Amino acid sequence: LAVTAAPRFLDLQGDGRKAALHGLKGAINGASGIVFGKA
């Protein structure tokens, strides 16, 4: 069980980085919309 389940949990750091990048993309899209509205 450990050998089959371990690979799923080994790349948590990479998954966290990907999530942070996608969160930043959402923030950029939101900031663009707000700035365009002000402009």
Full PDB file with SEQRES, HELIX, SHEET, SSBOND, CRYST1, ORIGX, SCALE, CONECT and MASTER records, all heavy atoms in Angstrom:
SEQRES   1 A   39  LEU ALA VAL THR ALA ALA PRO ARG PHE LEU ASP LEU GLN          
SEQRES   2 A   39  GLY ASP GLY ARG LYS ALA ALA LEU HIS GLY LEU LYS GLY          
SEQRES   3 A   39  ALA ILE ASN GLY ALA SER GLY ILE VAL PHE GLY LYS ALA          
HELIX    1 AA1 ALA A    2  LEU A   10  1                                   9    
HELIX    2 AA2 LEU A   12  LYS A   38  1                                  27    
CRYST1    1.000    1.000    1.000  90.00  90.00  90.00 P 1           1          
ORIGX1      1.000000  0.000000  0.000000        0.00000                         
ORIGX2      0.000000  1.000000  0.000000        0.00000                         
ORIGX3      0.000000  0.000000  1.000000        0.00000                         
SCALE1      1.000000  0.000000  0.000000        0.00000                         
SCALE2      0.000000  1.000000  0.000000        0.00000                         
SCALE3      0.000000  0.000000  1.000000        0.00000                         
ATOM      1  N   LEU A   1       0.830  -1.210   0.000  1.00  0.00           N  
ATOM      2  CA  LEU A   1       0.000   0.000   0.000  1.00  0.00           C  
ATOM      3  C   LEU A   1       0.864   1.260   0.000  1.00  0.00           C  
ATOM      4  O   LEU A   1       0.565   2.231  -0.697  1.00  0.00           O  
ATOM      5  CB  LEU A   1      -0.934   0.005   1.212  1.00  0.00           C  
ATOM      6  CG  LEU A   1      -2.118  -0.958   1.147  1.00  0.00           C  
ATOM      7  CD1 LEU A   1      -2.858  -0.962   2.481  1.00  0.00           C  
ATOM      8  CD2 LEU A   1      -3.058  -0.576   0.024  1.00  0.00           C  
ATOM      9  N   ALA A   2       1.946   1.254   0.765  1.00  0.00           N  
ATOM     10  CA  ALA A   2       2.828   2.429   0.824  1.00  0.00           C  
ATOM     11  C   ALA A   2       3.497   2.688  -0.521  1.00  0.00           C  
ATOM     12  O   ALA A   2       3.616   3.832  -0.961  1.00  0.00           O  
ATOM     13  CB  ALA A   2       3.878   2.231   1.911  1.00  0.00           C  
ATOM     14  N   VAL A   3       3.926   1.617  -1.178  1.00  0.00           N  
ATOM     15  CA  VAL A   3       4.597   1.778  -2.472  1.00  0.00           C  
ATOM     16  C   VAL A   3       3.637   2.294  -3.537  1.00  0.00           C  
ATOM     17  O   VAL A   3       4.004   3.107  -4.386  1.00  0.00           O  
ATOM     18  CB  VAL A   3       5.240   0.435  -2.911  1.00  0.00           C  
ATOM     19  CG1 VAL A   3       5.680   0.477  -4.361  1.00  0.00           C  
ATOM     20  CG2 VAL A   3       6.420   0.110  -2.019  1.00  0.00           C  
ATOM     21  N   THR A   4       2.394   1.852  -3.514  1.00  0.00           N  
ATOM     22  CA  THR A   4       1.441   2.301  -4.538  1.00  0.00           C  
ATOM     23  C   THR A   4       0.872   3.677  -4.233  1.00  0.00           C  
ATOM     24  O   THR A   4       0.556   4.436  -5.140  1.00  0.00           O  
ATOM     25  CB  THR A   4       0.282   1.298  -4.690  1.00  0.00           C  
ATOM     26  OG1 THR A   4      -0.366   1.139  -3.431  1.00  0.00           O  
ATOM     27  CG2 THR A   4       0.781  -0.031  -5.203  1.00  0.00           C  
ATOM     28  N   ALA A   5       0.747   4.050  -2.972  1.00  0.00           N  
ATOM     29  CA  ALA A   5       0.139   5.332  -2.618  1.00  0.00           C  
ATOM     30  C   ALA A   5       1.158   6.463  -2.530  1.00  0.00           C  
ATOM     31  O   ALA A   5       0.826   7.617  -2.758  1.00  0.00           O  
ATOM     32  CB  ALA A   5      -0.604   5.207  -1.292  1.00  0.00           C  
ATOM     33  N   ALA A   6       2.409   6.165  -2.219  1.00  0.00           N  
ATOM     34  CA  ALA A   6       3.417   7.204  -2.006  1.00  0.00           C  
ATOM     35  C   ALA A   6       3.623   8.121  -3.210  1.00  0.00           C  
ATOM     36  O   ALA A   6       3.719   9.340  -3.032  1.00  0.00           O  
ATOM     37  CB  ALA A   6       4.733   6.567  -1.580  1.00  0.00           C  
ATOM     38  N   PRO A   7       3.716   7.625  -4.442  1.00  0.00           N  
ATOM     39  CA  PRO A   7       3.953   8.535  -5.571  1.00  0.00           C  
ATOM     40  C   PRO A   7       2.885   9.620  -5.718  1.00  0.00           C  
ATOM     41  O   PRO A   7       3.167  10.704  -6.207  1.00  0.00           O  
ATOM     42  CB  PRO A   7       3.953   7.611  -6.790  1.00  0.00           C  
ATOM     43  CG  PRO A   7       4.341   6.287  -6.255  1.00  0.00           C  
ATOM     44  CD  PRO A   7       3.765   6.236  -4.876  1.00  0.00           C  
ATOM     45  N   ARG A   8       1.675   9.350  -5.276  1.00  0.00           N  
ATOM     46  CA  ARG A   8       0.623  10.362  -5.375  1.00  0.00           C  
ATOM     47  C   ARG A   8       0.890  11.557  -4.478  1.00  0.00           C  
ATOM     48  O   ARG A   8       0.442  12.657  -4.745  1.00  0.00           O  
ATOM     49  CB  ARG A   8      -0.725   9.763  -4.990  1.00  0.00           C  
ATOM     50  CG  ARG A   8      -1.219   8.732  -5.950  1.00  0.00           C  
ATOM     51  CD  ARG A   8      -2.531   8.190  -5.465  1.00  0.00           C  
ATOM     52  NE  ARG A   8      -2.985   7.132  -6.323  1.00  0.00           N  
ATOM     53  CZ  ARG A   8      -4.191   7.058  -6.803  1.00  0.00           C  
ATOM     54  NH1 ARG A   8      -5.079   7.962  -6.500  1.00  0.00           N  
ATOM     55  NH2 ARG A   8      -4.524   6.066  -7.595  1.00  0.00           N  
ATOM     56  N   PHE A   9       1.614  11.350  -3.403  1.00  0.00           N  
ATOM     57  CA  PHE A   9       1.814  12.418  -2.425  1.00  0.00           C  
ATOM     58  C   PHE A   9       3.213  13.008  -2.463  1.00  0.00           C  
ATOM     59  O   PHE A   9       3.515  13.924  -1.719  1.00  0.00           O  
ATOM     60  CB  PHE A   9       1.521  11.887  -1.020  1.00  0.00           C  
ATOM     61  CG  PHE A   9       0.131  11.350  -0.886  1.00  0.00           C  
ATOM     62  CD1 PHE A   9      -0.103   9.998  -0.804  1.00  0.00           C  
ATOM     63  CD2 PHE A   9      -0.950  12.214  -0.882  1.00  0.00           C  
ATOM     64  CE1 PHE A   9      -1.387   9.495  -0.705  1.00  0.00           C  
ATOM     65  CE2 PHE A   9      -2.240  11.734  -0.782  1.00  0.00           C  
ATOM     66  CZ  PHE A   9      -2.463  10.368  -0.689  1.00  0.00           C  
ATOM     67  N   LEU A  10       4.078  12.511  -3.318  1.00  0.00           N  
ATOM     68  CA  LEU A  10       5.449  12.995  -3.365  1.00  0.00           C  
ATOM     69  C   LEU A  10       5.572  14.371  -4.006  1.00  0.00           C  
ATOM     70  O   LEU A  10       6.473  15.127  -3.679  1.00  0.00           O  
ATOM     71  CB  LEU A  10       6.343  12.003  -4.103  1.00  0.00           C  
ATOM     72  CG  LEU A  10       6.609  10.695  -3.360  1.00  0.00           C  
ATOM     73  CD1 LEU A  10       7.479   9.784  -4.208  1.00  0.00           C  
ATOM     74  CD2 LEU A  10       7.269  10.960  -2.028  1.00  0.00           C  
ATOM     75  N   ASP A  11       4.712  14.727  -4.938  1.00  0.00           N  
ATOM     76  CA  ASP A  11       4.845  15.995  -5.666  1.00  0.00           C  
ATOM     77  C   ASP A  11       3.938  17.083  -5.103  1.00  0.00           C  
ATOM     78  O   ASP A  11       3.405  17.882  -5.843  1.00  0.00           O  
ATOM     79  CB  ASP A  11       4.561  15.764  -7.149  1.00  0.00           C  
ATOM     80  CG  ASP A  11       5.037  16.936  -7.993  1.00  0.00           C  
ATOM     81  OD1 ASP A  11       5.992  17.619  -7.586  1.00  0.00           O  
ATOM     82  OD2 ASP A  11       4.434  17.179  -9.047  1.00  0.00           O  
ATOM     83  N   LEU A  12       3.788  17.135  -3.818  1.00  0.00           N  
ATOM     84  CA  LEU A  12       2.938  18.157  -3.220  1.00  0.00           C  
ATOM     85  C   LEU A  12       3.512  19.556  -3.429  1.00  0.00           C  
ATOM     86  O   LEU A  12       2.777  20.513  -3.616  1.00  0.00           O  
ATOM     87  CB  LEU A  12       2.744  17.882  -1.726  1.00  0.00           C  
ATOM     88  CG  LEU A  12       1.926  16.640  -1.391  1.00  0.00           C  
ATOM     89  CD1 LEU A  12       1.843  16.464   0.114  1.00  0.00           C  
ATOM     90  CD2 LEU A  12       0.541  16.737  -1.989  1.00  0.00           C  
ATOM     91  N   GLN A  13       4.833  19.685  -3.404  1.00  0.00           N  
ATOM     92  CA  GLN A  13       5.460  20.991  -3.591  1.00  0.00           C  
ATOM     93  C   GLN A  13       5.198  21.516  -5.009  1.00  0.00           C  
ATOM     94  O   GLN A  13       4.872  22.680  -5.194  1.00  0.00           O  
ATOM     95  CB  GLN A  13       6.950  20.887  -3.322  1.00  0.00           C  
ATOM     96  CG  GLN A  13       7.640  22.231  -3.242  1.00  0.00           C  
ATOM     97  CD  GLN A  13       9.087  22.082  -2.825  1.00  0.00           C  
ATOM     98  OE1 GLN A  13       9.714  21.047  -3.056  1.00  0.00           O  
ATOM     99  NE2 GLN A  13       9.637  23.109  -2.217  1.00  0.00           N  
ATOM    100  N   GLY A  14       5.327  20.661  -6.005  1.00  0.00           N  
ATOM    101  CA  GLY A  14       5.052  21.061  -7.388  1.00  0.00           C  
ATOM    102  C   GLY A  14       3.601  21.456  -7.577  1.00  0.00           C  
ATOM    103  O   GLY A  14       3.291  22.438  -8.255  1.00  0.00           O  
ATOM    104  N   ASP A  15       2.705  20.690  -6.965  1.00  0.00           N  
ATOM    105  CA  ASP A  15       1.280  21.023  -7.050  1.00  0.00           C  
ATOM    106  C   ASP A  15       1.000  22.365  -6.384  1.00  0.00           C  
ATOM    107  O   ASP A  15       0.187  23.151  -6.871  1.00  0.00           O  
ATOM    108  CB  ASP A  15       0.426  19.932  -6.393  1.00  0.00           C  
ATOM    109  CG  ASP A  15       0.426  18.631  -7.186  1.00  0.00           C  
ATOM    110  OD1 ASP A  15       0.807  18.664  -8.373  1.00  0.00           O  
ATOM    111  OD2 ASP A  15       0.049  17.594  -6.610  1.00  0.00           O  
ATOM    112  N   GLY A  16       1.673  22.630  -5.287  1.00  0.00           N  
ATOM    113  CA  GLY A  16       1.503  23.920  -4.605  1.00  0.00           C  
ATOM    114  C   GLY A  16       1.980  25.087  -5.455  1.00  0.00           C  
ATOM    115  O   GLY A  16       1.345  26.136  -5.512  1.00  0.00           O  
ATOM    116  N   ARG A  17       3.099  24.891  -6.144  1.00  0.00           N  
ATOM    117  CA  ARG A  17       3.613  25.945  -7.030  1.00  0.00           C  
ATOM    118  C   ARG A  17       2.649  26.204  -8.181  1.00  0.00           C  
ATOM    119  O   ARG A  17       2.383  27.352  -8.534  1.00  0.00           O  
ATOM    120  CB  ARG A  17       4.983  25.555  -7.565  1.00  0.00           C  
ATOM    121  CG  ARG A  17       6.078  25.631  -6.535  1.00  0.00           C  
ATOM    122  CD  ARG A  17       7.398  25.210  -7.120  1.00  0.00           C  
ATOM    123  NE  ARG A  17       8.432  25.285  -6.106  1.00  0.00           N  
ATOM    124  CZ  ARG A  17       9.551  24.606  -6.145  1.00  0.00           C  
ATOM    125  NH1 ARG A  17       9.794  23.793  -7.161  1.00  0.00           N  
ATOM    126  NH2 ARG A  17      10.444  24.724  -5.194  1.00  0.00           N  
ATOM    127  N   LYS A  18       2.134  25.126  -8.772  1.00  0.00           N  
ATOM    128  CA  LYS A  18       1.174  25.285  -9.865  1.00  0.00           C  
ATOM    129  C   LYS A  18      -0.061  26.035  -9.385  1.00  0.00           C  
ATOM    130  O   LYS A  18      -0.571  26.926 -10.068  1.00  0.00           O  
ATOM    131  CB  LYS A  18       0.762  23.917 -10.418  1.00  0.00           C  
ATOM    132  CG  LYS A  18       1.845  23.211 -11.179  1.00  0.00           C  
ATOM    133  CD  LYS A  18       1.388  21.818 -11.594  1.00  0.00           C  
ATOM    134  CE  LYS A  18       2.544  20.995 -12.118  1.00  0.00           C  
ATOM    135  NZ  LYS A  18       2.133  19.618 -12.407  1.00  0.00           N  
ATOM    136  N   ALA A  19      -0.534  25.684  -8.208  1.00  0.00           N  
ATOM    137  CA  ALA A  19      -1.715  26.367  -7.650  1.00  0.00           C  
ATOM    138  C   ALA A  19      -1.433  27.838  -7.405  1.00  0.00           C  
ATOM    139  O   ALA A  19      -2.284  28.698  -7.669  1.00  0.00           O  
ATOM    140  CB  ALA A  19      -2.156  25.682  -6.358  1.00  0.00           C  
ATOM    141  N   ALA A  20      -0.240  28.153  -6.919  1.00  0.00           N  
ATOM    142  CA  ALA A  20       0.122  29.559  -6.681  1.00  0.00           C  
ATOM    143  C   ALA A  20       0.151  30.334  -7.999  1.00  0.00           C  
ATOM    144  O   ALA A  20      -0.321  31.482  -8.062  1.00  0.00           O  
ATOM    145  CB  ALA A  20       1.475  29.641  -5.987  1.00  0.00           C  
ATOM    146  N   LEU A  21       0.686  29.727  -9.053  1.00  0.00           N  
ATOM    147  CA  LEU A  21       0.730  30.398 -10.354  1.00  0.00           C  
ATOM    148  C   LEU A  21      -0.673  30.634 -10.904  1.00  0.00           C  
ATOM    149  O   LEU A  21      -0.964  31.705 -11.438  1.00  0.00           O  
ATOM    150  CB  LEU A  21       1.558  29.590 -11.353  1.00  0.00           C  
ATOM    151  CG  LEU A  21       3.052  29.450 -11.059  1.00  0.00           C  
ATOM    152  CD1 LEU A  21       3.723  28.615 -12.141  1.00  0.00           C  
ATOM    153  CD2 LEU A  21       3.736  30.787 -10.922  1.00  0.00           C  
ATOM    154  N   HIS A  22      -1.543  29.642 -10.773  1.00  0.00           N  
ATOM    155  CA  HIS A  22      -2.913  29.814 -11.263  1.00  0.00           C  
ATOM    156  C   HIS A  22      -3.665  30.841 -10.413  1.00  0.00           C  
ATOM    157  O   HIS A  22      -4.503  31.585 -10.936  1.00  0.00           O  
ATOM    158  CB  HIS A  22      -3.641  28.473 -11.299  1.00  0.00           C  
ATOM    159  CG  HIS A  22      -3.226  27.622 -12.459  1.00  0.00           C  
ATOM    160  ND1 HIS A  22      -3.676  27.838 -13.744  1.00  0.00           N  
ATOM    161  CD2 HIS A  22      -2.373  26.571 -12.539  1.00  0.00           C  
ATOM    162  CE1 HIS A  22      -3.123  26.962 -14.560  1.00  0.00           C  
ATOM    163  NE2 HIS A  22      -2.326  26.176 -13.844  1.00  0.00           N  
ATOM    164  N   GLY A  23      -3.354  30.913  -9.129  1.00  0.00           N  
ATOM    165  CA  GLY A  23      -3.940  31.953  -8.282  1.00  0.00           C  
ATOM    166  C   GLY A  23      -3.486  33.334  -8.717  1.00  0.00           C  
ATOM    167  O   GLY A  23      -4.278  34.282  -8.752  1.00  0.00           O  
ATOM    168  N   LEU A  24      -2.202  33.460  -9.067  1.00  0.00           N  
ATOM    169  CA  LEU A  24      -1.683  34.742  -9.556  1.00  0.00           C  
ATOM    170  C   LEU A  24      -2.341  35.120 -10.873  1.00  0.00           C  
ATOM    171  O   LEU A  24      -2.663  36.288 -11.096  1.00  0.00           O  
ATOM    172  CB  LEU A  24      -0.171  34.691  -9.709  1.00  0.00           C  
ATOM    173  CG  LEU A  24       0.490  35.973 -10.213  1.00  0.00           C  
ATOM    174  CD1 LEU A  24       0.210  37.140  -9.267  1.00  0.00           C  
ATOM    175  CD2 LEU A  24       1.982  35.778 -10.386  1.00  0.00           C  
ATOM    176  N   LYS A  25      -2.570  34.135 -11.740  1.00  0.00           N  
ATOM    177  CA  LYS A  25      -3.261  34.419 -13.008  1.00  0.00           C  
ATOM    178  C   LYS A  25      -4.648  34.998 -12.732  1.00  0.00           C  
ATOM    179  O   LYS A  25      -5.057  35.973 -13.364  1.00  0.00           O  
ATOM    180  CB  LYS A  25      -3.380  33.156 -13.857  1.00  0.00           C  
ATOM    181  CG  LYS A  25      -4.125  33.384 -15.155  1.00  0.00           C  
ATOM    182  CD  LYS A  25      -4.325  32.110 -15.948  1.00  0.00           C  
ATOM    183  CE  LYS A  25      -5.113  32.426 -17.214  1.00  0.00           C  
ATOM    184  NZ  LYS A  25      -5.401  31.239 -18.007  1.00  0.00           N  
ATOM    185  N   GLY A  26      -5.365  34.419 -11.795  1.00  0.00           N  
ATOM    186  CA  GLY A  26      -6.684  34.944 -11.430  1.00  0.00           C  
ATOM    187  C   GLY A  26      -6.596  36.357 -10.883  1.00  0.00           C  
ATOM    188  O   GLY A  26      -7.424  37.213 -11.202  1.00  0.00           O  
ATOM    189  N   ALA A  27      -5.571  36.617 -10.075  1.00  0.00           N  
ATOM    190  CA  ALA A  27      -5.377  37.967  -9.527  1.00  0.00           C  
ATOM    191  C   ALA A  27      -5.069  38.965 -10.640  1.00  0.00           C  
ATOM    192  O   ALA A  27      -5.556  40.100 -10.628  1.00  0.00           O  
ATOM    193  CB  ALA A  27      -4.267  37.960  -8.488  1.00  0.00           C  
ATOM    194  N   ILE A  28      -4.261  38.545 -11.609  1.00  0.00           N  
ATOM    195  CA  ILE A  28      -3.925  39.425 -12.739  1.00  0.00           C  
ATOM    196  C   ILE A  28      -5.182  39.743 -13.548  1.00  0.00           C  
ATOM    197  O   ILE A  28      -5.418  40.898 -13.917  1.00  0.00           O  
ATOM    198  CB  ILE A  28      -2.832  38.783 -13.621  1.00  0.00           C  
ATOM    199  CG1 ILE A  28      -1.494  38.802 -12.895  1.00  0.00           C  
ATOM    200  CG2 ILE A  28      -2.719  39.494 -14.968  1.00  0.00           C  
ATOM    201  CD1 ILE A  28      -0.387  38.027 -13.592  1.00  0.00           C  
ATOM    202  N   ASN A  29      -5.980  38.730 -13.832  1.00  0.00           N  
ATOM    203  CA  ASN A  29      -7.223  38.960 -14.584  1.00  0.00           C  
ATOM    204  C   ASN A  29      -8.161  39.891 -13.816  1.00  0.00           C  
ATOM    205  O   ASN A  29      -8.773  40.785 -14.404  1.00  0.00           O  
ATOM    206  CB  ASN A  29      -7.910  37.632 -14.902  1.00  0.00           C  
ATOM    207  CG  ASN A  29      -7.195  36.852 -15.976  1.00  0.00           C  
ATOM    208  OD1 ASN A  29      -6.526  37.420 -16.839  1.00  0.00           O  
ATOM    209  ND2 ASN A  29      -7.313  35.543 -15.924  1.00  0.00           N  
ATOM    210  N   GLY A  30      -8.265  39.697 -12.514  1.00  0.00           N  
ATOM    211  CA  GLY A  30      -9.115  40.569 -11.704  1.00  0.00           C  
ATOM    212  C   GLY A  30      -8.606  42.004 -11.672  1.00  0.00           C  
ATOM    213  O   GLY A  30      -9.379  42.955 -11.831  1.00  0.00           O  
ATOM    214  N   ALA A  31      -7.286  42.167 -11.484  1.00  0.00           N  
ATOM    215  CA  ALA A  31      -6.698  43.505 -11.460  1.00  0.00           C  
ATOM    216  C   ALA A  31      -6.866  44.199 -12.810  1.00  0.00           C  
ATOM    217  O   ALA A  31      -7.145  45.398 -12.870  1.00  0.00           O  
ATOM    218  CB  ALA A  31      -5.221  43.425 -11.082  1.00  0.00           C  
ATOM    219  N   SER A  32      -6.708  43.448 -13.904  1.00  0.00           N  
ATOM    220  CA  SER A  32      -6.884  44.030 -15.248  1.00  0.00           C  
ATOM    221  C   SER A  32      -8.296  44.566 -15.424  1.00  0.00           C  
ATOM    222  O   SER A  32      -8.491  45.665 -15.962  1.00  0.00           O  
ATOM    223  CB  SER A  32      -6.615  42.982 -16.328  1.00  0.00           C  
ATOM    224  OG  SER A  32      -5.263  42.676 -16.405  1.00  0.00           O  
ATOM    225  N   GLY A  33      -9.284  43.789 -14.991  1.00  0.00           N  
ATOM    226  CA  GLY A  33     -10.673  44.231 -15.111  1.00  0.00           C  
ATOM    227  C   GLY A  33     -10.964  45.479 -14.296  1.00  0.00           C  
ATOM    228  O   GLY A  33     -11.630  46.405 -14.762  1.00  0.00           O  
ATOM    229  N   ILE A  34     -10.447  45.526 -13.086  1.00  0.00           N  
ATOM    230  CA  ILE A  34     -10.663  46.698 -12.228  1.00  0.00           C  
ATOM    231  C   ILE A  34      -9.988  47.927 -12.813  1.00  0.00           C  
ATOM    232  O   ILE A  34     -10.580  49.012 -12.873  1.00  0.00           O  
ATOM    233  CB  ILE A  34     -10.159  46.406 -10.799  1.00  0.00           C  
ATOM    234  CG1 ILE A  34     -11.065  45.364 -10.132  1.00  0.00           C  
ATOM    235  CG2 ILE A  34     -10.094  47.685  -9.970  1.00  0.00           C  
ATOM    236  CD1 ILE A  34     -10.525  44.813  -8.825  1.00  0.00           C  
ATOM    237  N   VAL A  35      -8.741  47.759 -13.252  1.00  0.00           N  
ATOM    238  CA  VAL A  35      -8.006  48.894 -13.829  1.00  0.00           C  
ATOM    239  C   VAL A  35      -8.687  49.375 -15.106  1.00  0.00           C  
ATOM    240  O   VAL A  35      -8.817  50.585 -15.332  1.00  0.00           O  
ATOM    241  CB  VAL A  35      -6.525  48.524 -14.076  1.00  0.00           C  
ATOM    242  CG1 VAL A  35      -5.818  49.568 -14.927  1.00  0.00           C  
ATOM    243  CG2 VAL A  35      -5.798  48.347 -12.750  1.00  0.00           C  
ATOM    244  N   PHE A  36      -9.154  48.442 -15.944  1.00  0.00           N  
ATOM    245  CA  PHE A  36      -9.832  48.855 -17.173  1.00  0.00           C  
ATOM    246  C   PHE A  36     -11.105  49.635 -16.844  1.00  0.00           C  
ATOM    247  O   PHE A  36     -11.403  50.634 -17.496  1.00  0.00           O  
ATOM    248  CB  PHE A  36     -10.169  47.653 -18.061  1.00  0.00           C  
ATOM    249  CG  PHE A  36     -10.732  48.066 -19.393  1.00  0.00           C  
ATOM    250  CD1 PHE A  36      -9.893  48.468 -20.413  1.00  0.00           C  
ATOM    251  CD2 PHE A  36     -12.103  48.083 -19.611  1.00  0.00           C  
ATOM    252  CE1 PHE A  36     -10.404  48.872 -21.643  1.00  0.00           C  
ATOM    253  CE2 PHE A  36     -12.628  48.486 -20.836  1.00  0.00           C  
ATOM    254  CZ  PHE A  36     -11.775  48.885 -21.853  1.00  0.00           C  
ATOM    255  N   GLY A  37     -11.836  49.189 -15.828  1.00  0.00           N  
ATOM    256  CA  GLY A  37     -13.034  49.925 -15.410  1.00  0.00           C  
ATOM    257  C   GLY A  37     -12.702  51.347 -14.975  1.00  0.00           C  
ATOM    258  O   GLY A  37     -13.394  52.304 -15.345  1.00  0.00           O  
ATOM    259  N   LYS A  38     -11.636  51.505 -14.208  1.00  0.00           N  
ATOM    260  CA  LYS A  38     -11.212  52.843 -13.776  1.00  0.00           C  
ATOM    261  C   LYS A  38     -10.770  53.690 -14.974  1.00  0.00           C  
ATOM    262  O   LYS A  38     -11.071  54.880 -15.042  1.00  0.00           O  
ATOM    263  CB  LYS A  38     -10.075  52.741 -12.758  1.00  0.00           C  
ATOM    264  CG  LYS A  38     -10.510  52.244 -11.405  1.00  0.00           C  
ATOM    265  CD  LYS A  38      -9.326  52.197 -10.445  1.00  0.00           C  
ATOM    266  CE  LYS A  38      -9.758  51.732  -9.069  1.00  0.00           C  
ATOM    267  NZ  LYS A  38      -8.631  51.677  -8.130  1.00  0.00           N  
ATOM    268  N   ALA A  39     -10.042  53.059 -15.894  1.00  0.00           N  
ATOM    269  CA  ALA A  39      -9.586  53.786 -17.086  1.00  0.00           C  
ATOM    270  C   ALA A  39     -10.774  54.241 -17.918  1.00  0.00           C  
ATOM    271  O   ALA A  39     -10.785  55.368 -18.442  1.00  0.00           O  
ATOM    272  CB  ALA A  39      -8.648  52.916 -17.916  1.00  0.00           C  
TER     273      ALA A  39                                                      
MASTER        0    0    0    2    0    0    0    6  272    1    0    3          
END                                                                             
